[in-house]
N, C-alpha and C. Protein backbone atom coordinates (compact mmCIF):
# COMPACT_ATOMS: atom_id res chain seq x y z
N MET A 1 152.60 60.40 93.76
CA MET A 1 151.55 59.98 92.72
C MET A 1 150.93 60.87 92.27
N LYS A 2 150.72 62.02 93.09
CA LYS A 2 150.09 63.31 92.40
C LYS A 2 151.04 63.80 91.26
N LYS A 3 152.20 63.87 91.40
CA LYS A 3 153.16 64.41 90.54
C LYS A 3 153.25 63.63 89.30
N TYR A 4 153.13 62.24 89.32
CA TYR A 4 153.12 61.06 88.20
C TYR A 4 151.66 61.37 87.41
N LEU A 5 150.74 61.56 88.21
CA LEU A 5 149.35 61.78 87.72
C LEU A 5 149.19 62.93 86.87
N LYS A 6 149.73 64.25 87.32
CA LYS A 6 149.61 65.39 86.54
C LYS A 6 150.66 65.32 85.21
N ILE A 7 151.63 64.49 85.30
CA ILE A 7 152.65 64.14 84.05
C ILE A 7 151.91 63.31 83.10
N LEU A 8 150.98 62.20 83.51
CA LEU A 8 150.58 61.29 82.79
C LEU A 8 149.60 61.72 82.09
N LEU A 9 148.40 62.44 82.65
CA LEU A 9 147.37 62.88 81.89
C LEU A 9 147.61 63.75 80.68
N PRO A 10 148.48 64.99 80.87
CA PRO A 10 148.72 65.48 79.47
C PRO A 10 149.43 64.83 78.67
N VAL A 11 150.01 63.68 78.77
CA VAL A 11 150.91 62.79 77.82
C VAL A 11 150.00 62.11 77.06
N CYS A 12 148.96 61.69 77.88
CA CYS A 12 147.92 60.70 77.13
C CYS A 12 146.95 61.61 76.45
N LEU A 13 146.80 62.92 76.61
CA LEU A 13 145.85 63.65 75.83
C LEU A 13 146.70 63.80 74.68
N ALA A 14 148.00 64.22 74.73
CA ALA A 14 148.88 64.63 73.52
C ALA A 14 149.00 63.39 72.76
N ALA A 15 149.05 62.31 73.21
CA ALA A 15 149.02 61.22 72.16
C ALA A 15 147.81 60.81 71.37
N ALA A 16 146.76 61.35 71.85
CA ALA A 16 145.48 61.33 71.11
C ALA A 16 145.33 61.95 69.91
N ALA A 17 146.48 63.14 69.49
CA ALA A 17 146.27 63.69 68.51
C ALA A 17 146.58 62.94 67.18
N PRO A 18 145.28 63.33 66.26
CA PRO A 18 145.01 62.24 65.26
C PRO A 18 146.36 62.46 64.42
N VAL A 19 146.78 61.25 63.73
CA VAL A 19 147.86 60.98 63.02
C VAL A 19 147.49 60.31 61.73
N THR A 20 146.86 59.08 61.84
CA THR A 20 146.10 58.34 60.92
C THR A 20 144.69 58.20 61.11
N MET A 21 144.12 57.80 60.03
CA MET A 21 142.73 57.18 60.14
C MET A 21 142.41 56.32 61.06
N ALA A 22 143.68 55.28 61.08
CA ALA A 22 143.56 53.95 61.70
C ALA A 22 143.79 54.37 63.52
N ALA A 23 144.40 55.37 63.36
CA ALA A 23 144.71 55.95 65.07
C ALA A 23 143.32 56.71 65.37
N GLU A 24 142.80 57.44 64.67
CA GLU A 24 141.64 58.07 64.98
C GLU A 24 140.21 57.00 65.71
N LYS A 25 140.49 55.71 65.10
CA LYS A 25 139.38 54.95 65.40
C LYS A 25 139.65 54.06 66.59
N SER A 26 141.07 54.18 67.28
CA SER A 26 141.47 53.46 68.30
C SER A 26 141.24 54.35 69.48
N PHE A 27 140.70 55.74 69.56
CA PHE A 27 140.51 56.31 70.83
C PHE A 27 139.33 57.20 70.47
N SER A 28 138.74 57.92 71.79
CA SER A 28 137.84 59.06 71.43
C SER A 28 138.19 60.10 72.40
N LEU A 29 137.91 61.21 72.14
CA LEU A 29 138.05 62.43 73.02
C LEU A 29 136.51 62.89 73.19
N SER A 30 136.13 63.47 74.49
CA SER A 30 134.87 63.96 74.60
C SER A 30 134.83 65.11 75.81
N GLY A 31 133.86 65.82 75.99
CA GLY A 31 133.80 66.84 76.75
C GLY A 31 132.25 66.85 77.05
N ASN A 32 131.93 67.72 78.43
CA ASN A 32 130.87 67.73 78.95
C ASN A 32 130.63 68.78 79.62
N VAL A 33 129.34 69.65 79.77
CA VAL A 33 129.18 70.84 80.47
C VAL A 33 127.92 70.60 81.11
N ALA A 34 127.83 71.06 82.32
CA ALA A 34 126.60 70.96 83.25
C ALA A 34 126.32 72.08 84.00
N LEU A 35 125.07 72.39 84.33
CA LEU A 35 124.68 73.30 85.21
C LEU A 35 123.62 72.64 86.21
N THR A 36 124.05 72.86 87.35
CA THR A 36 123.05 71.99 88.69
C THR A 36 122.63 73.00 89.67
N SER A 37 121.74 72.80 89.99
CA SER A 37 121.05 73.41 91.11
C SER A 37 121.84 73.39 92.51
N ASP A 38 122.43 72.44 92.63
CA ASP A 38 123.20 72.04 93.95
C ASP A 38 124.19 71.10 93.72
N TYR A 39 125.36 71.26 94.01
CA TYR A 39 126.62 70.18 93.64
C TYR A 39 126.35 69.27 94.96
N VAL A 40 125.83 68.12 94.83
CA VAL A 40 125.73 67.30 95.94
C VAL A 40 126.58 66.02 95.48
N PHE A 41 127.69 65.78 96.67
CA PHE A 41 128.49 64.62 96.24
C PHE A 41 128.30 63.69 97.61
N ARG A 42 127.76 62.48 97.38
CA ARG A 42 127.83 61.48 98.48
C ARG A 42 126.73 61.98 99.56
N GLY A 43 125.60 62.53 99.07
CA GLY A 43 124.71 62.97 99.68
C GLY A 43 124.92 64.42 100.52
N VAL A 44 125.91 65.02 100.09
CA VAL A 44 126.16 66.33 101.10
C VAL A 44 126.61 67.34 100.19
N SER A 45 125.74 68.50 100.35
CA SER A 45 126.22 69.79 99.39
C SER A 45 127.45 70.32 99.60
N GLN A 46 128.22 70.29 98.37
CA GLN A 46 129.44 70.88 98.14
C GLN A 46 129.47 72.55 97.87
N SER A 47 128.50 73.06 97.58
CA SER A 47 128.35 74.26 97.19
C SER A 47 127.23 75.11 97.89
N ASN A 48 126.96 74.62 99.20
CA ASN A 48 126.43 75.36 100.15
C ASN A 48 124.97 75.66 99.96
N GLU A 49 124.33 74.66 99.01
CA GLU A 49 123.09 74.73 98.60
C GLU A 49 122.86 75.65 97.52
N LYS A 50 123.85 76.24 96.72
CA LYS A 50 123.81 77.08 95.74
C LYS A 50 124.19 76.34 94.41
N MET A 51 123.80 77.09 93.22
CA MET A 51 123.99 76.44 91.87
C MET A 51 125.69 76.28 91.67
N ALA A 52 125.92 75.28 90.72
CA ALA A 52 127.21 74.88 90.33
C ALA A 52 127.21 74.87 88.72
N ILE A 53 128.44 75.35 88.34
CA ILE A 53 128.67 74.89 86.82
C ILE A 53 129.85 73.87 86.74
N GLN A 54 129.63 73.00 85.86
CA GLN A 54 130.59 71.89 85.94
C GLN A 54 130.95 71.46 84.50
N GLY A 55 132.16 70.99 84.43
CA GLY A 55 132.27 70.53 83.05
C GLY A 55 133.95 69.72 83.14
N GLY A 56 134.05 68.93 82.02
CA GLY A 56 135.28 68.25 82.02
C GLY A 56 135.42 67.68 80.51
N PHE A 57 136.70 66.98 80.33
CA PHE A 57 136.95 66.35 79.27
C PHE A 57 137.68 64.95 79.55
N ASP A 58 137.34 63.86 78.52
CA ASP A 58 137.79 62.61 78.79
C ASP A 58 138.47 61.97 77.49
N TYR A 59 139.29 61.22 77.57
CA TYR A 59 140.12 60.28 76.79
C TYR A 59 139.74 58.99 76.90
N GLU A 60 139.39 58.31 76.06
CA GLU A 60 139.20 56.71 75.99
C GLU A 60 139.71 56.01 74.90
N HIS A 61 140.51 54.77 75.15
CA HIS A 61 141.09 54.04 74.11
C HIS A 61 140.25 52.76 74.17
N LYS A 62 140.00 52.25 72.94
CA LYS A 62 139.45 51.19 72.55
C LYS A 62 139.73 49.88 73.22
N LYS A 63 141.16 49.95 73.86
CA LYS A 63 141.52 48.83 74.49
C LYS A 63 141.31 48.75 76.21
N GLY A 64 140.46 50.08 76.48
CA GLY A 64 140.07 50.34 78.00
C GLY A 64 140.77 51.06 78.67
N LEU A 65 141.82 51.94 78.27
CA LEU A 65 142.57 52.93 79.04
C LEU A 65 141.87 54.09 78.88
N TYR A 66 141.54 54.86 80.13
CA TYR A 66 140.76 56.11 79.97
C TYR A 66 141.35 57.05 81.01
N GLY A 67 141.07 58.46 80.62
CA GLY A 67 141.67 59.64 81.78
C GLY A 67 141.16 60.72 81.31
N GLY A 68 140.92 61.61 82.47
CA GLY A 68 140.32 62.83 82.10
C GLY A 68 140.45 63.77 83.17
N ILE A 69 139.60 65.04 83.19
CA ILE A 69 139.77 66.03 84.06
C ILE A 69 138.20 66.56 84.22
N TRP A 70 137.92 67.01 85.37
CA TRP A 70 136.52 67.72 85.57
C TRP A 70 136.73 68.61 86.69
N SER A 71 135.79 69.50 86.76
CA SER A 71 135.75 70.56 87.49
C SER A 71 134.43 71.17 87.91
N SER A 72 134.46 71.72 89.00
CA SER A 72 133.28 72.45 89.41
C SER A 72 133.52 73.34 90.69
N ASN A 73 132.52 74.45 90.57
CA ASN A 73 132.68 75.57 91.90
C ASN A 73 132.13 74.91 93.08
N VAL A 74 132.76 75.25 94.22
CA VAL A 74 132.43 74.87 95.47
C VAL A 74 132.50 75.90 96.39
N SER A 75 131.87 75.69 97.65
CA SER A 75 131.98 76.59 98.50
C SER A 75 133.28 76.76 99.14
N SER A 76 133.86 77.99 99.14
CA SER A 76 135.21 78.20 99.83
C SER A 76 135.29 78.13 101.13
N ALA A 77 133.99 78.06 101.96
CA ALA A 77 134.05 78.00 103.52
C ALA A 77 134.27 76.68 103.74
N PHE A 78 134.04 75.54 102.98
CA PHE A 78 134.22 74.21 103.28
C PHE A 78 135.63 73.72 102.84
N TYR A 79 136.42 74.43 102.06
CA TYR A 79 137.94 73.87 101.73
C TYR A 79 138.87 74.99 101.82
N ASN A 80 138.70 75.53 102.95
CA ASN A 80 139.64 76.28 103.40
C ASN A 80 140.33 77.51 102.45
N GLY A 81 139.19 78.15 101.78
CA GLY A 81 139.42 79.16 101.00
C GLY A 81 139.35 78.88 99.41
N SER A 82 139.56 77.78 99.13
CA SER A 82 139.37 77.30 97.52
C SER A 82 137.87 77.43 97.22
N GLY A 83 137.64 77.91 96.18
CA GLY A 83 135.99 77.78 95.48
C GLY A 83 136.03 76.72 94.41
N ILE A 84 136.96 76.25 94.05
CA ILE A 84 137.14 75.20 92.96
C ILE A 84 137.59 73.97 93.29
N GLU A 85 136.98 72.95 92.86
CA GLU A 85 137.18 71.49 93.07
C GLU A 85 137.59 71.15 91.50
N THR A 86 138.91 70.47 91.51
CA THR A 86 139.26 69.85 90.19
C THR A 86 139.70 68.42 90.34
N ASP A 87 139.04 67.53 89.49
CA ASP A 87 139.37 66.06 89.69
C ASP A 87 140.48 65.59 88.57
N LEU A 88 141.34 64.91 88.67
CA LEU A 88 142.29 64.23 87.51
C LEU A 88 142.07 62.77 87.93
N TYR A 89 141.73 61.97 86.79
CA TYR A 89 141.72 60.37 87.25
C TYR A 89 142.14 59.80 85.99
N PHE A 90 142.40 58.42 86.20
CA PHE A 90 142.91 57.52 85.01
C PHE A 90 142.39 56.27 85.58
N GLY A 91 142.20 55.52 84.49
CA GLY A 91 141.96 54.06 85.07
C GLY A 91 141.82 53.20 83.54
N PHE A 92 141.17 51.99 83.97
CA PHE A 92 141.31 50.98 82.75
C PHE A 92 139.89 50.09 83.02
N LYS A 93 139.15 50.19 82.00
CA LYS A 93 137.66 49.06 81.88
C LYS A 93 137.90 48.00 81.00
N GLY A 94 137.29 47.04 81.32
CA GLY A 94 137.46 45.60 80.84
C GLY A 94 136.28 44.86 81.02
N LYS A 95 136.21 43.54 80.47
CA LYS A 95 135.03 42.82 80.54
C LYS A 95 135.36 41.29 81.02
N PHE A 96 134.49 40.65 81.98
CA PHE A 96 134.73 39.56 82.29
C PHE A 96 134.10 38.62 81.27
N SER A 97 132.80 39.06 80.68
CA SER A 97 131.94 38.68 79.85
C SER A 97 131.10 39.47 79.31
N SER A 98 130.48 39.11 78.39
CA SER A 98 129.62 40.07 77.35
C SER A 98 128.75 41.02 78.20
N ASN A 99 128.20 40.52 79.64
CA ASN A 99 127.26 41.57 80.44
C ASN A 99 128.08 41.88 81.61
N PHE A 100 129.25 41.42 82.07
CA PHE A 100 130.07 41.57 83.42
C PHE A 100 131.27 42.41 83.15
N GLU A 101 131.39 43.80 83.39
CA GLU A 101 132.42 44.45 83.24
C GLU A 101 133.07 44.98 84.47
N TYR A 102 134.24 45.39 84.36
CA TYR A 102 134.97 46.04 85.84
C TYR A 102 135.78 47.16 85.08
N ASP A 103 136.02 48.12 86.23
CA ASP A 103 136.65 49.45 86.22
C ASP A 103 137.69 49.42 87.35
N VAL A 104 138.88 49.94 87.19
CA VAL A 104 139.80 50.20 88.28
C VAL A 104 140.45 51.42 87.84
N GLY A 105 140.75 52.13 88.86
CA GLY A 105 141.21 53.50 88.71
C GLY A 105 141.82 54.11 89.91
N PHE A 106 142.41 55.68 89.53
CA PHE A 106 142.84 56.51 90.52
C PHE A 106 142.27 57.84 90.39
N ILE A 107 141.80 58.37 91.36
CA ILE A 107 141.32 60.02 91.41
C ILE A 107 141.90 60.81 92.29
N GLU A 108 142.30 62.01 91.77
CA GLU A 108 142.67 63.08 92.71
C GLU A 108 141.78 64.12 92.79
N TYR A 109 141.24 64.49 93.89
CA TYR A 109 140.50 65.44 94.11
C TYR A 109 141.21 66.69 94.81
N SER A 110 141.32 67.90 93.91
CA SER A 110 142.08 68.90 94.29
C SER A 110 141.45 70.13 94.37
N TYR A 111 141.95 71.14 95.17
CA TYR A 111 141.32 72.29 95.55
C TYR A 111 142.25 73.43 95.63
N PRO A 112 142.37 73.87 94.47
CA PRO A 112 143.59 74.84 94.43
C PRO A 112 143.42 76.02 95.23
N GLY A 113 144.56 76.48 95.93
CA GLY A 113 144.33 77.74 96.91
C GLY A 113 144.03 77.14 98.29
N SER A 114 143.56 75.92 98.48
CA SER A 114 143.23 75.64 100.08
C SER A 114 144.39 75.74 100.80
N SER A 115 144.24 76.48 102.06
CA SER A 115 145.53 76.44 103.00
C SER A 115 144.92 76.63 104.45
N PRO A 116 145.18 75.23 105.15
CA PRO A 116 146.18 73.90 104.59
C PRO A 116 145.30 73.34 103.53
N SER A 117 146.05 72.51 102.65
CA SER A 117 145.56 71.83 101.58
C SER A 117 144.27 70.71 102.00
N THR A 118 143.33 70.73 101.40
CA THR A 118 142.21 69.85 101.32
C THR A 118 142.17 68.79 100.33
N ASP A 119 143.22 68.75 99.35
CA ASP A 119 143.44 67.70 98.44
C ASP A 119 143.34 66.18 99.12
N TYR A 120 142.87 65.31 98.37
CA TYR A 120 142.86 64.06 98.75
C TYR A 120 142.76 62.91 97.71
N ASP A 121 142.98 61.71 97.77
CA ASP A 121 143.05 60.74 96.64
C ASP A 121 142.41 59.47 96.90
N GLU A 122 141.91 58.96 95.91
CA GLU A 122 141.21 57.60 96.05
C GLU A 122 141.68 56.53 94.82
N VAL A 123 141.73 55.38 95.36
CA VAL A 123 141.68 54.37 94.24
C VAL A 123 140.44 53.49 94.44
N TYR A 124 140.00 53.06 93.26
CA TYR A 124 138.51 52.33 92.91
C TYR A 124 138.72 51.37 92.07
N PHE A 125 137.49 50.28 92.59
CA PHE A 125 137.32 49.18 91.84
C PHE A 125 135.88 49.01 91.66
N GLY A 126 135.38 48.93 90.53
CA GLY A 126 134.05 48.67 90.32
C GLY A 126 133.56 47.50 89.56
N VAL A 127 132.51 46.80 89.60
CA VAL A 127 132.08 46.18 88.57
C VAL A 127 130.57 46.47 88.28
N SER A 128 130.08 45.70 87.09
CA SER A 128 128.62 45.98 86.76
C SER A 128 128.16 44.90 86.09
N TYR A 129 126.96 44.40 86.25
CA TYR A 129 126.36 43.41 85.52
C TYR A 129 124.82 43.93 84.94
N LYS A 130 124.89 43.97 83.55
CA LYS A 130 123.83 44.65 83.06
C LYS A 130 123.45 46.07 83.57
N SER A 131 122.31 46.11 84.38
CA SER A 131 121.87 47.28 84.91
C SER A 131 122.31 47.67 86.41
N PHE A 132 122.75 46.58 86.97
CA PHE A 132 123.29 46.72 88.48
C PHE A 132 125.02 47.04 88.43
N SER A 133 125.30 47.84 89.39
CA SER A 133 126.74 48.29 89.43
C SER A 133 127.18 48.42 91.07
N ALA A 134 128.29 48.29 91.17
CA ALA A 134 129.02 48.15 92.61
C ALA A 134 130.34 48.94 92.38
N LYS A 135 130.67 49.78 93.46
CA LYS A 135 131.97 50.44 93.32
C LYS A 135 132.78 50.57 94.72
N TYR A 136 133.81 50.34 94.82
CA TYR A 136 134.45 50.64 96.15
C TYR A 136 135.47 51.59 96.03
N TYR A 137 135.50 52.52 96.69
CA TYR A 137 136.76 53.64 96.77
C TYR A 137 137.37 53.56 98.10
N ALA A 138 138.74 53.37 97.98
CA ALA A 138 139.44 53.41 99.30
C ALA A 138 140.31 54.92 99.44
N GLY A 139 140.22 55.57 100.26
CA GLY A 139 140.94 56.81 100.50
C GLY A 139 142.47 56.54 100.76
N VAL A 140 142.97 57.43 100.04
CA VAL A 140 144.62 57.30 100.20
C VAL A 140 145.23 58.30 101.24
N ASP A 141 144.82 59.56 100.94
CA ASP A 141 145.31 60.56 102.28
C ASP A 141 144.34 61.94 101.93
N VAL A 142 144.12 62.65 103.22
CA VAL A 142 143.91 64.01 102.89
C VAL A 142 144.74 64.70 103.95
N GLY A 143 145.72 65.51 103.34
CA GLY A 143 146.87 66.19 104.17
C GLY A 143 147.73 64.94 104.49
N ASN A 144 147.95 64.67 105.74
CA ASN A 144 148.81 63.63 106.34
C ASN A 144 147.95 62.68 106.75
N ASP A 145 146.54 62.50 106.88
CA ASP A 145 145.84 61.59 107.53
C ASP A 145 144.94 60.52 106.55
N GLU A 146 144.67 59.44 106.74
CA GLU A 146 143.92 58.45 106.07
C GLU A 146 142.82 58.97 105.95
N LEU A 147 142.12 59.19 104.75
CA LEU A 147 140.84 59.63 104.93
C LEU A 147 139.31 58.73 105.08
N GLY A 148 139.43 57.46 104.58
CA GLY A 148 138.36 56.65 104.63
C GLY A 148 137.95 56.02 103.44
N ASP A 149 136.94 55.02 103.62
CA ASP A 149 136.46 54.22 102.38
C ASP A 149 134.90 54.54 102.17
N TYR A 150 134.57 54.28 100.73
CA TYR A 150 133.26 54.66 100.29
C TYR A 150 132.71 53.48 99.30
N PHE A 151 131.81 52.79 99.60
CA PHE A 151 131.36 51.94 98.77
C PHE A 151 129.84 52.28 98.49
N GLU A 152 129.34 51.96 96.92
CA GLU A 152 128.13 52.27 96.49
C GLU A 152 127.69 51.06 95.69
N VAL A 153 126.21 51.19 95.55
CA VAL A 153 125.43 50.26 94.86
C VAL A 153 124.52 51.08 93.84
N GLY A 154 124.21 50.60 92.63
CA GLY A 154 123.13 51.39 91.66
C GLY A 154 122.68 50.39 90.87
N TYR A 155 121.41 50.95 90.45
CA TYR A 155 120.60 50.12 89.48
C TYR A 155 120.00 51.17 88.51
N ASP A 156 119.90 51.16 87.32
CA ASP A 156 119.44 51.79 86.34
C ASP A 156 118.48 51.13 85.55
N LEU A 157 117.29 51.79 85.40
CA LEU A 157 116.14 51.18 84.79
C LEU A 157 115.66 52.15 83.61
N GLY A 158 115.49 51.51 82.31
CA GLY A 158 115.04 52.18 81.24
C GLY A 158 113.37 52.24 81.32
N LEU A 159 112.98 53.42 80.91
CA LEU A 159 111.49 53.53 81.01
C LEU A 159 110.89 53.88 79.54
N PRO A 160 109.70 53.67 79.32
CA PRO A 160 109.03 54.25 77.80
C PRO A 160 109.21 55.79 77.70
N LYS A 161 109.23 56.19 76.65
CA LYS A 161 109.44 57.67 75.94
C LYS A 161 110.77 58.17 76.55
N GLY A 162 111.63 57.27 76.25
CA GLY A 162 113.25 57.84 76.59
C GLY A 162 113.43 58.20 77.73
N PHE A 163 112.60 57.98 79.11
CA PHE A 163 113.05 58.13 80.32
C PHE A 163 113.74 57.05 80.87
N SER A 164 114.48 57.30 81.85
CA SER A 164 115.30 56.35 82.61
C SER A 164 115.22 56.51 84.26
N VAL A 165 115.21 55.97 85.09
CA VAL A 165 115.25 55.84 86.40
C VAL A 165 116.65 55.17 86.95
N GLY A 166 117.11 55.95 88.06
CA GLY A 166 118.35 55.40 88.87
C GLY A 166 118.12 55.32 89.98
N PHE A 167 118.67 54.14 90.70
CA PHE A 167 118.73 54.02 92.28
C PHE A 167 120.15 53.91 92.76
N HIS A 168 120.46 54.77 93.88
CA HIS A 168 121.81 54.46 94.43
C HIS A 168 121.70 54.60 95.96
N VAL A 169 122.69 53.78 96.48
CA VAL A 169 122.75 53.60 97.99
C VAL A 169 124.35 53.63 98.19
N GLY A 170 124.93 54.41 99.05
CA GLY A 170 126.40 54.57 99.12
C GLY A 170 126.52 54.55 100.82
N ASP A 171 127.78 54.14 101.29
CA ASP A 171 127.97 53.91 102.62
C ASP A 171 129.39 54.55 102.96
N TRP A 172 129.58 55.48 103.69
CA TRP A 172 130.91 56.12 103.99
C TRP A 172 131.45 55.66 105.32
N ASP A 173 132.63 55.05 105.14
CA ASP A 173 133.42 54.49 106.37
C ASP A 173 134.45 55.15 106.79
N ALA A 174 134.41 56.16 107.47
CA ALA A 174 135.24 57.46 107.83
C ALA A 174 136.32 56.61 108.82
N VAL A 175 137.39 57.21 109.08
CA VAL A 175 138.54 56.93 110.10
C VAL A 175 138.35 57.71 111.24
N THR A 176 137.81 58.93 111.06
CA THR A 176 137.45 59.70 112.26
C THR A 176 136.17 59.12 112.96
N ALA A 177 136.00 59.12 114.39
CA ALA A 177 135.05 58.59 115.03
C ALA A 177 133.88 59.56 114.66
N ASN A 178 132.68 58.70 114.61
CA ASN A 178 131.16 59.09 114.48
C ASN A 178 131.32 59.68 113.09
N GLY A 179 132.03 59.45 112.02
CA GLY A 179 131.93 59.95 110.57
C GLY A 179 131.34 59.28 109.78
N ASP A 180 130.83 57.90 110.25
CA ASP A 180 130.13 56.99 109.20
C ASP A 180 128.79 57.65 108.77
N TYR A 181 128.50 57.35 107.65
CA TYR A 181 126.94 57.71 107.23
C TYR A 181 126.75 56.90 105.64
N THR A 182 125.15 57.03 105.63
CA THR A 182 124.65 56.34 104.40
C THR A 182 124.02 57.24 103.80
N ASP A 183 124.29 57.35 102.26
CA ASP A 183 123.23 58.31 101.35
C ASP A 183 122.54 57.55 100.45
N TYR A 184 121.53 58.31 100.14
CA TYR A 184 120.48 57.62 98.90
C TYR A 184 120.32 58.76 98.04
N LYS A 185 120.05 57.95 96.75
CA LYS A 185 119.53 58.83 95.81
C LYS A 185 118.65 58.07 94.83
N ILE A 186 117.57 58.98 94.21
CA ILE A 186 116.67 58.51 93.20
C ILE A 186 116.62 59.43 92.21
N SER A 187 116.90 59.11 90.90
CA SER A 187 116.86 59.96 89.81
C SER A 187 116.04 59.35 88.62
N LEU A 188 115.52 60.66 87.79
CA LEU A 188 114.66 60.49 86.77
C LEU A 188 115.31 61.31 85.73
N ALA A 189 115.84 60.58 84.64
CA ALA A 189 116.39 61.38 83.44
C ALA A 189 115.91 61.21 82.26
N ARG A 190 115.95 62.07 81.08
CA ARG A 190 115.71 62.15 79.82
C ARG A 190 116.32 63.10 79.01
N LYS A 191 116.56 62.77 77.87
CA LYS A 191 117.27 63.50 76.87
C LYS A 191 116.03 64.38 76.04
N PHE A 192 116.33 65.73 75.81
CA PHE A 192 115.53 66.71 75.30
C PHE A 192 116.39 67.37 74.20
N GLY A 193 116.45 67.10 72.72
CA GLY A 193 117.28 67.54 72.21
C GLY A 193 118.61 67.22 72.38
N ASP A 194 119.56 68.26 72.35
CA ASP A 194 121.20 68.04 72.62
C ASP A 194 121.24 68.02 74.09
N PHE A 195 120.07 68.29 74.97
CA PHE A 195 120.52 68.32 76.55
C PHE A 195 119.93 67.35 77.28
N ASP A 196 120.59 66.92 78.30
CA ASP A 196 120.15 65.89 79.09
C ASP A 196 119.58 66.54 80.42
N PHE A 197 118.53 66.16 80.81
CA PHE A 197 117.75 66.69 81.93
C PHE A 197 117.76 65.48 83.06
N GLU A 198 117.94 65.83 84.30
CA GLU A 198 117.94 64.75 85.42
C GLU A 198 117.37 65.53 86.78
N ILE A 199 116.23 65.12 87.26
CA ILE A 199 115.83 65.73 88.63
C ILE A 199 116.14 64.37 89.36
N SER A 200 116.77 64.70 90.88
CA SER A 200 117.04 63.64 91.41
C SER A 200 116.65 64.01 92.97
N TYR A 201 116.52 62.93 93.83
CA TYR A 201 115.98 63.27 95.24
C TYR A 201 117.45 62.52 96.07
N THR A 202 117.84 63.57 96.95
CA THR A 202 118.96 62.71 97.55
C THR A 202 118.60 63.13 99.19
N ASP A 203 119.29 61.87 100.07
CA ASP A 203 119.17 62.27 101.43
C ASP A 203 120.25 61.44 102.09
N THR A 204 120.36 61.71 103.26
CA THR A 204 121.57 60.71 104.16
C THR A 204 120.82 60.64 105.48
N ASP A 205 121.67 59.76 106.39
CA ASP A 205 121.15 59.44 107.71
C ASP A 205 121.87 60.41 108.74
N ILE A 206 122.57 61.57 108.26
CA ILE A 206 123.15 62.36 109.10
C ILE A 206 122.27 63.31 109.82
N LYS A 207 122.28 63.44 110.87
CA LYS A 207 121.66 64.17 111.63
C LYS A 207 122.09 65.59 112.02
N ASN A 208 121.26 66.54 112.11
CA ASN A 208 121.60 68.02 112.42
C ASN A 208 122.74 68.57 111.61
N ASP A 209 122.41 68.38 110.22
CA ASP A 209 123.47 69.00 109.16
C ASP A 209 122.47 69.33 108.08
N LYS A 210 122.25 70.53 107.80
CA LYS A 210 121.35 71.03 106.78
C LYS A 210 121.77 70.90 105.56
N LEU A 211 123.24 70.79 105.45
CA LEU A 211 123.81 70.55 103.87
C LEU A 211 123.64 68.79 103.60
N ALA A 212 123.36 67.94 104.68
CA ALA A 212 123.13 66.53 104.44
C ALA A 212 121.69 66.23 104.54
N GLU A 213 120.57 67.13 104.46
CA GLU A 213 119.10 66.89 104.57
C GLU A 213 119.08 66.37 103.06
N ASP A 214 117.51 65.80 103.14
CA ASP A 214 116.94 65.55 101.80
C ASP A 214 116.58 66.74 101.04
N ARG A 215 116.67 66.57 99.46
CA ARG A 215 116.68 67.80 98.70
C ARG A 215 116.36 67.24 97.29
N PHE A 216 115.91 68.10 96.36
CA PHE A 216 115.76 67.67 95.09
C PHE A 216 116.87 68.63 94.46
N VAL A 217 117.25 68.16 93.49
CA VAL A 217 118.20 68.72 92.56
C VAL A 217 118.09 68.41 90.93
N LEU A 218 118.01 69.53 90.54
CA LEU A 218 118.03 69.45 88.99
C LEU A 218 119.35 69.65 88.33
N THR A 219 119.58 68.97 87.26
CA THR A 219 120.79 69.33 86.48
C THR A 219 120.63 69.01 85.02
N ILE A 220 120.98 70.04 84.35
CA ILE A 220 120.90 70.00 82.72
C ILE A 220 122.52 70.04 82.34
N SER A 221 122.77 68.95 81.44
CA SER A 221 124.00 68.79 81.02
C SER A 221 124.01 68.71 79.34
N LYS A 222 125.09 68.59 78.83
CA LYS A 222 125.51 68.42 77.55
C LYS A 222 126.72 67.83 77.04
N SER A 223 126.72 66.81 76.22
CA SER A 223 127.94 66.35 75.66
C SER A 223 128.40 67.20 74.63
N LEU A 224 129.90 67.38 74.67
CA LEU A 224 130.47 67.98 73.65
C LEU A 224 131.21 67.38 72.54
């Protein structure tokens, strides 16, 4: 699957080259870059409580097909010598009705240079209704072992003066014994000029692990 993903993504991006005005309107290409005080993923710091630089590119077709690449620095101590995470993903989005949408896809988390490899894959399916969302991720593999599953729900609420607040709860169902946990996140965001600012508070129910303790995270991002 990884081999086909790495072949498919460049093909999709190459196919996005503008040929006619009609073709240009059928898809969009975008990029993003961000600076965050701590790369927190599912409630756990991936950068050992240090700053991270992140960014990626996305392709989206008006029919619902999409794909992209995203990368961030991580702590090499956590990923067997690799200091970089690179995610490759593709999927399809559609609508059941005007307010009820779905999203299904595949994502590969890659850590170049990790030895033994810490790469793993997930397939996912999500639905959203207005401001509510839910998504289920099924772990495909990590090395030669099944990874586990993750389920998250969220709610986003617009506020006056351009502010918005987001609520998130996620549950990690690990294959390994005593690996299950729940994470929480509350975020406040607003756009200032060309930049998006978000301050979030995250926590988990994991005990005796400083990387999973409650913390505030500031992220500044920009669309390209």
